[in-house]
Amino acid sequence: ARRVGSDVFWPRPRVESAVLRAALRPDTERGLGMGTGLDVLLGHCFGQRRKALLGLVAGLVGGREPASQALAQAGIDADARPEDLSRAAFVRLSEACGRYVQFPLQSS
C-alpha cells in the first residue's frame, strides 16, 4: 500500500519497510473453510509430514482400504508425502475422505 521510511523506527533499521494490503478471496476460490475436513486433514497430515499418505489417511477414515480408495478418487499416489501435495490436491483428498467419514473430526 505504501513505503515506510526507516526514520519512523527506533533504532533506525538498515532495511526498507512497506505496508502491505491483503484481501481474502471469496470462499468459492479458497476451497473449504475453517472447521472443515480440510482443516482436520491438514493438521493430521502435517503433524506427521514425513509419513506416507496412505497410513496418514487410514488413521482418519478407519482403515487402509477406504484410505486407498479415497486417495485413488483424489488422483493421489498413496506413497506421496504431505509436502508433495498442492492445495488443490488436499481439497480433492478432503472431499474424497468425506465419503468415508463425517467431518469435522478432532485431529490427533
PDB file of N, CA and C in Angstrom:
ATOM      1  N   ALA A   1       0.823  -1.187   0.000  1.00  0.00           N
ATOM      2  CA  ALA A   1       0.000   0.000   0.000  1.00  0.00           C
ATOM      3  C   ALA A   1       0.874   1.260   0.000  1.00  0.00           C
ATOM      4  N   ARG A   2       1.963   1.209   0.798  1.00  0.00           N
ATOM      5  CA  ARG A   2       2.872   2.360   0.806  1.00  0.00           C
ATOM      6  C   ARG A   2       4.197   1.967   1.439  1.00  0.00           C
ATOM      7  N   ARG A   3       5.193   2.755   1.156  1.00  0.00           N
ATOM      8  CA  ARG A   3       6.512   2.549   1.763  1.00  0.00           C
ATOM      9  C   ARG A   3       6.567   3.263   3.110  1.00  0.00           C
ATOM     10  N   VAL A   4       7.384   2.729   4.011  1.00  0.00           N
ATOM     11  CA  VAL A   4       7.564   3.323   5.329  1.00  0.00           C
ATOM     12  C   VAL A   4       9.045   3.614   5.491  1.00  0.00           C
ATOM     13  N   GLY A   5       9.361   4.856   5.757  1.00  0.00           N
ATOM     14  CA  GLY A   5      10.761   5.249   5.907  1.00  0.00           C
ATOM     15  C   GLY A   5      11.385   4.696   7.170  1.00  0.00           C
ATOM     16  N   SER A   6      12.681   4.501   7.130  1.00  0.00           N
ATOM     17  CA  SER A   6      13.383   3.960   8.298  1.00  0.00           C
ATOM     18  C   SER A   6      13.416   4.959   9.450  1.00  0.00           C
ATOM     19  N   ASP A   7      13.129   6.213   9.164  1.00  0.00           N
ATOM     20  CA  ASP A   7      13.171   7.249  10.196  1.00  0.00           C
ATOM     21  C   ASP A   7      12.020   7.145  11.203  1.00  0.00           C
ATOM     22  N   VAL A   8      11.015   6.313  10.925  1.00  0.00           N
ATOM     23  CA  VAL A   8       9.899   6.165  11.875  1.00  0.00           C
ATOM     24  C   VAL A   8      10.158   5.071  12.906  1.00  0.00           C
ATOM     25  N   PHE A   9      11.262   4.366  12.806  1.00  0.00           N
ATOM     26  CA  PHE A   9      11.605   3.286  13.740  1.00  0.00           C
ATOM     27  C   PHE A   9      12.771   3.709  14.612  1.00  0.00           C
ATOM     28  N   TRP A  10      12.805   3.139  15.818  1.00  0.00           N
ATOM     29  CA  TRP A  10      13.958   3.327  16.692  1.00  0.00           C
ATOM     30  C   TRP A  10      14.307   2.011  17.333  1.00  0.00           C
ATOM     31  N   PRO A  11      15.484   1.526  17.246  1.00  0.00           N
ATOM     32  CA  PRO A  11      16.576   2.120  16.467  1.00  0.00           C
ATOM     33  C   PRO A  11      16.292   2.030  14.969  1.00  0.00           C
ATOM     34  N   ARG A  12      16.901   2.909  14.252  1.00  0.00           N
ATOM     35  CA  ARG A  12      16.675   3.021  12.810  1.00  0.00           C
ATOM     36  C   ARG A  12      17.248   1.778  12.100  1.00  0.00           C
ATOM     37  N   PRO A  13      16.387   1.008  11.390  1.00  0.00           N
ATOM     38  CA  PRO A  13      16.873  -0.196  10.692  1.00  0.00           C
ATOM     39  C   PRO A  13      17.615   0.164   9.407  1.00  0.00           C
ATOM     40  N   ARG A  14      18.391  -0.774   8.920  1.00  0.00           N
ATOM     41  CA  ARG A  14      19.107  -0.589   7.649  1.00  0.00           C
ATOM     42  C   ARG A  14      18.377  -1.270   6.507  1.00  0.00           C
ATOM     43  N   VAL A  15      17.082  -1.419   6.639  1.00  0.00           N
ATOM     44  CA  VAL A  15      16.262  -2.026   5.603  1.00  0.00           C
ATOM     45  C   VAL A  15      15.080  -1.121   5.328  1.00  0.00           C
ATOM     46  N   GLU A  16      14.474  -1.276   4.178  1.00  0.00           N
ATOM     47  CA  GLU A  16      13.274  -0.529   3.851  1.00  0.00           C
ATOM     48  C   GLU A  16      12.064  -1.335   4.278  1.00  0.00           C
ATOM     49  N   SER A  17      11.003  -0.648   4.625  1.00  0.00           N
ATOM     50  CA  SER A  17       9.774  -1.311   5.054  1.00  0.00           C
ATOM     51  C   SER A  17       8.616  -0.858   4.185  1.00  0.00           C
ATOM     52  N   ALA A  18       7.552  -1.628   4.235  1.00  0.00           N
ATOM     53  CA  ALA A  18       6.353  -1.292   3.484  1.00  0.00           C
ATOM     54  C   ALA A  18       5.133  -1.814   4.219  1.00  0.00           C
ATOM     55  N   VAL A  19       4.007  -1.182   3.980  1.00  0.00           N
ATOM     56  CA  VAL A  19       2.714  -1.645   4.484  1.00  0.00           C
ATOM     57  C   VAL A  19       2.062  -2.389   3.329  1.00  0.00           C
ATOM     58  N   LEU A  20       1.658  -3.623   3.593  1.00  0.00           N
ATOM     59  CA  LEU A  20       1.016  -4.436   2.567  1.00  0.00           C
ATOM     60  C   LEU A  20      -0.475  -4.498   2.819  1.00  0.00           C
ATOM     61  N   ARG A  21      -1.231  -4.574   1.757  1.00  0.00           N
ATOM     62  CA  ARG A  21      -2.671  -4.749   1.854  1.00  0.00           C
ATOM     63  C   ARG A  21      -3.003  -6.121   1.290  1.00  0.00           C
ATOM     64  N   ALA A  22      -3.741  -6.913   2.048  1.00  0.00           N
ATOM     65  CA  ALA A  22      -4.122  -8.258   1.609  1.00  0.00           C
ATOM     66  C   ALA A  22      -5.638  -8.380   1.663  1.00  0.00           C
ATOM     67  N   ALA A  23      -6.181  -9.074   0.712  1.00  0.00           N
ATOM     68  CA  ALA A  23      -7.615  -9.314   0.676  1.00  0.00           C
ATOM     69  C   ALA A  23      -7.851 -10.808   0.525  1.00  0.00           C
ATOM     70  N   LEU A  24      -8.769 -11.345   1.330  1.00  0.00           N
ATOM     71  CA  LEU A  24      -9.109 -12.759   1.214  1.00  0.00           C
ATOM     72  C   LEU A  24      -9.949 -12.979  -0.031  1.00  0.00           C
ATOM     73  N   ARG A  25      -9.693 -14.091  -0.683  1.00  0.00           N
ATOM     74  CA  ARG A  25     -10.515 -14.458  -1.831  1.00  0.00           C
ATOM     75  C   ARG A  25     -11.859 -14.985  -1.342  1.00  0.00           C
ATOM     76  N   PRO A  26     -12.886 -14.908  -2.176  1.00  0.00           N
ATOM     77  CA  PRO A  26     -14.174 -15.488  -1.773  1.00  0.00           C
ATOM     78  C   PRO A  26     -14.033 -16.977  -1.494  1.00  0.00           C
ATOM     79  N   ASP A  27     -14.937 -17.515  -0.661  1.00  0.00           N
ATOM     80  CA  ASP A  27     -14.889 -18.930  -0.296  1.00  0.00           C
ATOM     81  C   ASP A  27     -14.839 -19.842  -1.508  1.00  0.00           C
ATOM     82  N   THR A  28     -15.492 -19.465  -2.586  1.00  0.00           N
ATOM     83  CA  THR A  28     -15.516 -20.324  -3.766  1.00  0.00           C
ATOM     84  C   THR A  28     -14.144 -20.463  -4.387  1.00  0.00           C
ATOM     85  N   GLU A  29     -13.265 -19.500  -4.158  1.00  0.00           N
ATOM     86  CA  GLU A  29     -11.902 -19.575  -4.693  1.00  0.00           C
ATOM     87  C   GLU A  29     -10.930 -20.190  -3.702  1.00  0.00           C
ATOM     88  N   ARG A  30     -11.224 -20.092  -2.407  1.00  0.00           N
ATOM     89  CA  ARG A  30     -10.308 -20.593  -1.386  1.00  0.00           C
ATOM     90  C   ARG A  30     -10.488 -22.075  -1.120  1.00  0.00           C
ATOM     91  N   GLY A  31     -11.552 -22.658  -1.564  1.00  0.00           N
ATOM     92  CA  GLY A  31     -11.817 -24.051  -1.241  1.00  0.00           C
ATOM     93  C   GLY A  31     -12.599 -24.132   0.048  1.00  0.00           C
ATOM     94  N   LEU A  32     -12.373 -25.158   0.837  1.00  0.00           N
ATOM     95  CA  LEU A  32     -13.136 -25.368   2.063  1.00  0.00           C
ATOM     96  C   LEU A  32     -12.659 -24.419   3.147  1.00  0.00           C
ATOM     97  N   GLY A  33     -13.548 -24.062   4.042  1.00  0.00           N
ATOM     98  CA  GLY A  33     -13.233 -23.079   5.067  1.00  0.00           C
ATOM     99  C   GLY A  33     -12.787 -23.690   6.381  1.00  0.00           C
ATOM    100  N   MET A  34     -12.686 -22.845   7.384  1.00  0.00           N
ATOM    101  CA  MET A  34     -12.243 -23.262   8.706  1.00  0.00           C
ATOM    102  C   MET A  34     -13.251 -24.231   9.322  1.00  0.00           C
ATOM    103  N   GLY A  35     -12.744 -25.153  10.136  1.00  0.00           N
ATOM    104  CA  GLY A  35     -13.615 -26.078  10.833  1.00  0.00           C
ATOM    105  C   GLY A  35     -14.120 -27.213   9.971  1.00  0.00           C
ATOM    106  N   THR A  36     -13.528 -27.422   8.829  1.00  0.00           N
ATOM    107  CA  THR A  36     -13.982 -28.460   7.920  1.00  0.00           C
ATOM    108  C   THR A  36     -13.020 -29.633   7.918  1.00  0.00           C
ATOM    109  N   GLY A  37     -13.364 -30.632   7.116  1.00  0.00           N
ATOM    110  CA  GLY A  37     -12.489 -31.784   6.967  1.00  0.00           C
ATOM    111  C   GLY A  37     -11.120 -31.412   6.434  1.00  0.00           C
ATOM    112  N   LEU A  38     -11.049 -30.367   5.630  1.00  0.00           N
ATOM    113  CA  LEU A  38      -9.749 -29.942   5.106  1.00  0.00           C
ATOM    114  C   LEU A  38      -8.829 -29.529   6.245  1.00  0.00           C
ATOM    115  N   ASP A  39      -9.350 -28.786   7.212  1.00  0.00           N
ATOM    116  CA  ASP A  39      -8.538 -28.369   8.353  1.00  0.00           C
ATOM    117  C   ASP A  39      -8.047 -29.573   9.152  1.00  0.00           C
ATOM    118  N   VAL A  40      -8.947 -30.521   9.385  1.00  0.00           N
ATOM    119  CA  VAL A  40      -8.585 -31.729  10.129  1.00  0.00           C
ATOM    120  C   VAL A  40      -7.531 -32.513   9.354  1.00  0.00           C
ATOM    121  N   LEU A  41      -7.756 -32.677   8.058  1.00  0.00           N
ATOM    122  CA  LEU A  41      -6.816 -33.422   7.218  1.00  0.00           C
ATOM    123  C   LEU A  41      -5.436 -32.771   7.211  1.00  0.00           C
ATOM    124  N   LEU A  42      -5.385 -31.459   7.034  1.00  0.00           N
ATOM    125  CA  LEU A  42      -4.097 -30.758   7.020  1.00  0.00           C
ATOM    126  C   LEU A  42      -3.374 -30.888   8.352  1.00  0.00           C
ATOM    127  N   GLY A  43      -4.094 -30.689   9.440  1.00  0.00           N
ATOM    128  CA  GLY A  43      -3.471 -30.811  10.761  1.00  0.00           C
ATOM    129  C   GLY A  43      -2.934 -32.206  11.013  1.00  0.00           C
ATOM    130  N   HIS A  44      -3.715 -33.194  10.627  1.00  0.00           N
ATOM    131  CA  HIS A  44      -3.303 -34.585  10.825  1.00  0.00           C
ATOM    132  C   HIS A  44      -2.078 -34.920   9.974  1.00  0.00           C
ATOM    133  N   CYS A  45      -2.130 -34.540   8.707  1.00  0.00           N
ATOM    134  CA  CYS A  45      -1.037 -34.889   7.791  1.00  0.00           C
ATOM    135  C   CYS A  45       0.254 -34.138   8.106  1.00  0.00           C
ATOM    136  N   PHE A  46       0.162 -32.850   8.399  1.00  0.00           N
ATOM    137  CA  PHE A  46       1.384 -32.091   8.647  1.00  0.00           C
ATOM    138  C   PHE A  46       1.908 -32.269  10.059  1.00  0.00           C
ATOM    139  N   GLY A  47       1.135 -32.917  10.916  1.00  0.00           N
ATOM    140  CA  GLY A  47       1.642 -33.295  12.231  1.00  0.00           C
ATOM    141  C   GLY A  47       2.619 -34.449  12.136  1.00  0.00           C
ATOM    142  N   GLN A  48       2.559 -35.173  11.023  1.00  0.00           N
ATOM    143  CA  GLN A  48       3.439 -36.334  10.792  1.00  0.00           C
ATOM    144  C   GLN A  48       3.863 -36.323   9.324  1.00  0.00           C
ATOM    145  N   ARG A  49       4.356 -35.204   8.844  1.00  0.00           N
ATOM    146  CA  ARG A  49       4.509 -34.983   7.414  1.00  0.00           C
ATOM    147  C   ARG A  49       5.505 -35.892   6.704  1.00  0.00           C
ATOM    148  N   ARG A  50       6.326 -36.613   7.402  1.00  0.00           N
ATOM    149  CA  ARG A  50       7.285 -37.499   6.734  1.00  0.00           C
ATOM    150  C   ARG A  50       6.694 -38.884   6.486  1.00  0.00           C
ATOM    151  N   LYS A  51       5.489 -39.125   6.948  1.00  0.00           N
ATOM    152  CA  LYS A  51       4.840 -40.416   6.710  1.00  0.00           C
ATOM    153  C   LYS A  51       4.139 -40.405   5.364  1.00  0.00           C
ATOM    154  N   ALA A  52       3.967 -41.588   4.798  1.00  0.00           N
ATOM    155  CA  ALA A  52       3.241 -41.715   3.526  1.00  0.00           C
ATOM    156  C   ALA A  52       1.753 -41.440   3.763  1.00  0.00           C
ATOM    157  N   LEU A  53       1.105 -40.882   2.759  1.00  0.00           N
ATOM    158  CA  LEU A  53      -0.299 -40.505   2.883  1.00  0.00           C
ATOM    159  C   LEU A  53      -1.227 -41.679   3.158  1.00  0.00           C
ATOM    160  N   LEU A  54      -0.931 -42.845   2.629  1.00  0.00           N
ATOM    161  CA  LEU A  54      -1.816 -43.986   2.859  1.00  0.00           C
ATOM    162  C   LEU A  54      -2.001 -44.235   4.353  1.00  0.00           C
ATOM    163  N   GLY A  55      -0.922 -44.290   5.090  1.00  0.00           N
ATOM    164  CA  GLY A  55      -1.017 -44.516   6.530  1.00  0.00           C
ATOM    165  C   GLY A  55      -1.677 -43.373   7.267  1.00  0.00           C
ATOM    166  N   LEU A  56      -1.388 -42.150   6.852  1.00  0.00           N
ATOM    167  CA  LEU A  56      -1.989 -40.982   7.495  1.00  0.00           C
ATOM    168  C   LEU A  56      -3.495 -40.947   7.286  1.00  0.00           C
ATOM    169  N   VAL A  57      -3.913 -41.133   6.039  1.00  0.00           N
ATOM    170  CA  VAL A  57      -5.341 -41.078   5.718  1.00  0.00           C
ATOM    171  C   VAL A  57      -6.075 -42.255   6.352  1.00  0.00           C
ATOM    172  N   ALA A  58      -5.421 -43.408   6.433  1.00  0.00           N
ATOM    173  CA  ALA A  58      -6.043 -44.588   7.055  1.00  0.00           C
ATOM    174  C   ALA A  58      -6.440 -44.294   8.495  1.00  0.00           C
ATOM    175  N   GLY A  59      -5.638 -43.509   9.184  1.00  0.00           N
ATOM    176  CA  GLY A  59      -5.956 -43.142  10.558  1.00  0.00           C
ATOM    177  C   GLY A  59      -7.195 -42.268  10.679  1.00  0.00           C
ATOM    178  N   LEU A  60      -7.542 -41.570   9.615  1.00  0.00           N
ATOM    179  CA  LEU A  60      -8.725 -40.700   9.640  1.00  0.00           C
ATOM    180  C   LEU A  60      -9.991 -41.398   9.166  1.00  0.00           C
ATOM    181  N   VAL A  61      -9.863 -42.282   8.188  1.00  0.00           N
ATOM    182  CA  VAL A  61     -11.058 -42.858   7.566  1.00  0.00           C
ATOM    183  C   VAL A  61     -11.349 -44.282   8.022  1.00  0.00           C
ATOM    184  N   GLY A  62     -10.576 -44.797   8.947  1.00  0.00           N
ATOM    185  CA  GLY A  62     -10.895 -46.091   9.517  1.00  0.00           C
ATOM    186  C   GLY A  62     -10.308 -47.290   8.814  1.00  0.00           C
ATOM    187  N   GLY A  63      -9.174 -47.142   8.189  1.00  0.00           N
ATOM    188  CA  GLY A  63      -8.508 -48.300   7.609  1.00  0.00           C
ATOM    189  C   GLY A  63      -7.820 -48.005   6.292  1.00  0.00           C
ATOM    190  N   ARG A  64      -6.978 -48.970   5.896  1.00  0.00           N
ATOM    191  CA  ARG A  64      -6.187 -48.788   4.688  1.00  0.00           C
ATOM    192  C   ARG A  64      -7.018 -48.899   3.412  1.00  0.00           C
ATOM    193  N   GLU A  65      -8.051 -49.731   3.421  1.00  0.00           N
ATOM    194  CA  GLU A  65      -8.865 -49.895   2.208  1.00  0.00           C
ATOM    195  C   GLU A  65      -9.619 -48.611   1.861  1.00  0.00           C
ATOM    196  N   PRO A  66     -10.379 -48.018   2.809  1.00  0.00           N
ATOM    197  CA  PRO A  66     -11.034 -46.761   2.461  1.00  0.00           C
ATOM    198  C   PRO A  66     -10.036 -45.639   2.166  1.00  0.00           C
ATOM    199  N   ALA A  67      -8.879 -45.661   2.837  1.00  0.00           N
ATOM    200  CA  ALA A  67      -7.854 -44.653   2.563  1.00  0.00           C
ATOM    201  C   ALA A  67      -7.332 -44.796   1.151  1.00  0.00           C
ATOM    202  N   SER A  68      -7.082 -46.029   0.732  1.00  0.00           N
ATOM    203  CA  SER A  68      -6.611 -46.294  -0.628  1.00  0.00           C
ATOM    204  C   SER A  68      -7.633 -45.827  -1.655  1.00  0.00           C
ATOM    205  N   GLN A  69      -8.906 -46.080  -1.377  1.00  0.00           N
ATOM    206  CA  GLN A  69      -9.967 -45.651  -2.285  1.00  0.00           C
ATOM    207  C   GLN A  69     -10.067 -44.128  -2.351  1.00  0.00           C
ATOM    208  N   ALA A  70      -9.960 -43.466  -1.206  1.00  0.00           N
ATOM    209  CA  ALA A  70     -10.037 -42.002  -1.179  1.00  0.00           C
ATOM    210  C   ALA A  70      -8.868 -41.386  -1.945  1.00  0.00           C
ATOM    211  N   LEU A  71      -7.677 -41.940  -1.744  1.00  0.00           N
ATOM    212  CA  LEU A  71      -6.501 -41.422  -2.466  1.00  0.00           C
ATOM    213  C   LEU A  71      -6.653 -41.627  -3.963  1.00  0.00           C
ATOM    214  N   ALA A  72      -7.160 -42.784  -4.364  1.00  0.00           N
ATOM    215  CA  ALA A  72      -7.373 -43.056  -5.788  1.00  0.00           C
ATOM    216  C   ALA A  72      -8.416 -42.101  -6.367  1.00  0.00           C
ATOM    217  N   GLN A  73      -9.499 -41.872  -5.633  1.00  0.00           N
ATOM    218  CA  GLN A  73     -10.542 -40.958  -6.102  1.00  0.00           C
ATOM    219  C   GLN A  73     -10.003 -39.537  -6.264  1.00  0.00           C
ATOM    220  N   ALA A  74      -9.068 -39.166  -5.409  1.00  0.00           N
ATOM    221  CA  ALA A  74      -8.478 -37.827  -5.475  1.00  0.00           C
ATOM    222  C   ALA A  74      -7.339 -37.756  -6.481  1.00  0.00           C
ATOM    223  N   GLY A  75      -6.940 -38.907  -7.045  1.00  0.00           N
ATOM    224  CA  GLY A  75      -5.846 -38.930  -8.014  1.00  0.00           C
ATOM    225  C   GLY A  75      -4.484 -38.697  -7.396  1.00  0.00           C
ATOM    226  N   ILE A  76      -4.292 -39.241  -6.183  1.00  0.00           N
ATOM    227  CA  ILE A  76      -3.058 -39.025  -5.425  1.00  0.00           C
ATOM    228  C   ILE A  76      -2.375 -40.356  -5.170  1.00  0.00           C
ATOM    229  N   ASP A  77      -1.060 -40.383  -5.367  1.00  0.00           N
ATOM    230  CA  ASP A  77      -0.254 -41.571  -5.114  1.00  0.00           C
ATOM    231  C   ASP A  77      -0.234 -41.863  -3.614  1.00  0.00           C
ATOM    232  N   ALA A  78      -0.528 -43.087  -3.241  1.00  0.00           N
ATOM    233  CA  ALA A  78      -0.581 -43.482  -1.831  1.00  0.00           C
ATOM    234  C   ALA A  78       0.767 -43.356  -1.133  1.00  0.00           C
ATOM    235  N   ASP A  79       1.863 -43.414  -1.890  1.00  0.00           N
ATOM    236  CA  ASP A  79       3.202 -43.299  -1.305  1.00  0.00           C
ATOM    237  C   ASP A  79       3.676 -41.855  -1.173  1.00  0.00           C
ATOM    238  N   ALA A  80       2.888 -40.901  -1.668  1.00  0.00           N
ATOM    239  CA  ALA A  80       3.274 -39.493  -1.573  1.00  0.00           C
ATOM    240  C   ALA A  80       3.275 -39.053  -0.112  1.00  0.00           C
ATOM    241  N   ARG A  81       3.974 -37.982   0.150  1.00  0.00           N
ATOM    242  CA  ARG A  81       4.027 -37.405   1.486  1.00  0.00           C
ATOM    243  C   ARG A  81       3.301 -36.059   1.463  1.00  0.00           C
ATOM    244  N   PRO A  82       2.817 -35.601   2.614  1.00  0.00           N
ATOM    245  CA  PRO A  82       2.027 -34.365   2.628  1.00  0.00           C
ATOM    246  C   PRO A  82       2.692 -33.182   1.928  1.00  0.00           C
ATOM    247  N   GLU A  83       3.986 -33.018   2.095  1.00  0.00           N
ATOM    248  CA  GLU A  83       4.646 -31.860   1.478  1.00  0.00           C
ATOM    249  C   GLU A  83       4.703 -31.944  -0.046  1.00  0.00           C
ATOM    250  N   ASP A  84       4.365 -33.111  -0.608  1.00  0.00           N
ATOM    251  CA  ASP A  84       4.362 -33.283  -2.058  1.00  0.00           C
ATOM    252  C   ASP A  84       3.067 -32.790  -2.710  1.00  0.00           C
ATOM    253  N   LEU A  85       2.026 -32.557  -1.915  1.00  0.00           N
ATOM    254  CA  LEU A  85       0.714 -32.229  -2.467  1.00  0.00           C
ATOM    255  C   LEU A  85       0.484 -30.727  -2.589  1.00  0.00           C
ATOM    256  N   SER A  86      -0.271 -30.362  -3.603  1.00  0.00           N
ATOM    257  CA  SER A  86      -0.690 -28.969  -3.779  1.00  0.00           C
ATOM    258  C   SER A  86      -1.930 -28.708  -2.926  1.00  0.00           C
ATOM    259  N   ARG A  87      -2.296 -27.457  -2.820  1.00  0.00           N
ATOM    260  CA  ARG A  87      -3.520 -27.093  -2.099  1.00  0.00           C
ATOM    261  C   ARG A  87      -4.728 -27.749  -2.750  1.00  0.00           C
ATOM    262  N   ALA A  88      -4.771 -27.739  -4.076  1.00  0.00           N
ATOM    263  CA  ALA A  88      -5.895 -28.345  -4.798  1.00  0.00           C
ATOM    264  C   ALA A  88      -5.977 -29.843  -4.524  1.00  0.00           C
ATOM    265  N   ALA A  89      -4.831 -30.512  -4.419  1.00  0.00           N
ATOM    266  CA  ALA A  89      -4.827 -31.948  -4.138  1.00  0.00           C
ATOM    267  C   ALA A  89      -5.385 -32.218  -2.746  1.00  0.00           C
ATOM    268  N   PHE A  90      -5.046 -31.374  -1.768  1.00  0.00           N
ATOM    269  CA  PHE A  90      -5.596 -31.552  -0.422  1.00  0.00           C
ATOM    270  C   PHE A  90      -7.103 -31.327  -0.411  1.00  0.00           C
ATOM    271  N   VAL A  91      -7.595 -30.382  -1.181  1.00  0.00           N
ATOM    272  CA  VAL A  91      -9.043 -30.157  -1.256  1.00  0.00           C
ATOM    273  C   VAL A  91      -9.721 -31.390  -1.837  1.00  0.00           C
ATOM    274  N   ARG A  92      -9.156 -31.949  -2.929  1.00  0.00           N
ATOM    275  CA  ARG A  92      -9.726 -33.171  -3.524  1.00  0.00           C
ATOM    276  C   ARG A  92      -9.702 -34.322  -2.530  1.00  0.00           C
ATOM    277  N   LEU A  93      -8.596 -34.467  -1.814  1.00  0.00           N
ATOM    278  CA  LEU A  93      -8.473 -35.556  -0.845  1.00  0.00           C
ATOM    279  C   LEU A  93      -9.463 -35.366   0.305  1.00  0.00           C
ATOM    280  N   SER A  94      -9.646 -34.159   0.766  1.00  0.00           N
ATOM    281  CA  SER A  94     -10.611 -33.893   1.828  1.00  0.00           C
ATOM    282  C   SER A  94     -12.019 -34.274   1.378  1.00  0.00           C
ATOM    283  N   GLU A  95     -12.360 -33.915   0.154  1.00  0.00           N
ATOM    284  CA  GLU A  95     -13.681 -34.270  -0.373  1.00  0.00           C
ATOM    285  C   GLU A  95     -13.833 -35.782  -0.494  1.00  0.00           C
ATOM    286  N   ALA A  96     -12.788 -36.465  -0.953  1.00  0.00           N
ATOM    287  CA  ALA A  96     -12.836 -37.926  -1.084  1.00  0.00           C
ATOM    288  C   ALA A  96     -12.932 -38.585   0.292  1.00  0.00           C
ATOM    289  N   CYS A  97     -12.213 -38.079   1.284  1.00  0.00           N
ATOM    290  CA  CYS A  97     -12.277 -38.642   2.637  1.00  0.00           C
ATOM    291  C   CYS A  97     -13.649 -38.432   3.245  1.00  0.00           C
ATOM    292  N   GLY A  98     -14.305 -37.340   2.882  1.00  0.00           N
ATOM    293  CA  GLY A  98     -15.632 -37.055   3.405  1.00  0.00           C
ATOM    294  C   GLY A  98     -16.663 -38.102   3.025  1.00  0.00           C
ATOM    295  N   ARG A  99     -16.374 -38.913   2.015  1.00  0.00           N
ATOM    296  CA  ARG A  99     -17.280 -40.002   1.638  1.00  0.00           C
ATOM    297  C   ARG A  99     -17.205 -41.158   2.631  1.00  0.00           C
ATOM    298  N   TYR A 100     -16.115 -41.220   3.402  1.00  0.00           N
ATOM    299  CA  TYR A 100     -15.892 -42.345   4.311  1.00  0.00           C
ATOM    300  C   TYR A 100     -16.062 -41.977   5.776  1.00  0.00           C
ATOM    301  N   VAL A 101     -15.989 -40.698   6.082  1.00  0.00           N
ATOM    302  CA  VAL A 101     -16.077 -40.261   7.478  1.00  0.00           C
ATOM    303  C   VAL A 101     -16.761 -38.904   7.500  1.00  0.00           C
ATOM    304  N   GLN A 102     -17.507 -38.657   8.554  1.00  0.00           N
ATOM    305  CA  GLN A 102     -18.194 -37.383   8.694  1.00  0.00           C
ATOM    306  C   GLN A 102     -17.249 -36.379   9.341  1.00  0.00           C
ATOM    307  N   PHE A 103     -16.902 -35.309   8.629  1.00  0.00           N
ATOM    308  CA  PHE A 103     -16.088 -34.244   9.202  1.00  0.00           C
ATOM    309  C   PHE A 103     -17.025 -33.229   9.835  1.00  0.00           C
ATOM    310  N   PRO A 104     -16.601 -32.428  10.804  1.00  0.00           N
ATOM    311  CA  PRO A 104     -15.248 -32.378  11.324  1.00  0.00           C
ATOM    312  C   PRO A 104     -14.990 -33.409  12.422  1.00  0.00           C
ATOM    313  N   LEU A 105     -13.796 -33.876  12.441  1.00  0.00           N
ATOM    314  CA  LEU A 105     -13.311 -34.775  13.485  1.00  0.00           C
ATOM    315  C   LEU A 105     -12.317 -33.999  14.341  1.00  0.00           C
ATOM    316  N   GLN A 106     -11.924 -34.570  15.432  1.00  0.00           N
ATOM    317  CA  GLN A 106     -10.840 -33.998  16.206  1.00  0.00           C
ATOM    318  C   GLN A 106      -9.543 -34.528  15.614  1.00  0.00           C
ATOM    319  N   SER A 107      -8.618 -33.640  15.289  1.00  0.00           N
ATOM    320  CA  SER A 107      -7.330 -34.062  14.753  1.00  0.00           C
ATOM    321  C   SER A 107      -6.515 -34.695  15.870  1.00  0.00           C
ATOM    322  N   SER A 108      -5.804 -35.786  15.531  1.00  0.00           N
ATOM    323  CA  SER A 108      -4.993 -36.440  16.558  1.00  0.00           C
ATOM    324  C   SER A 108      -3.562 -36.015  16.470  1.00  0.00           C
TER     325      SER A 108
END
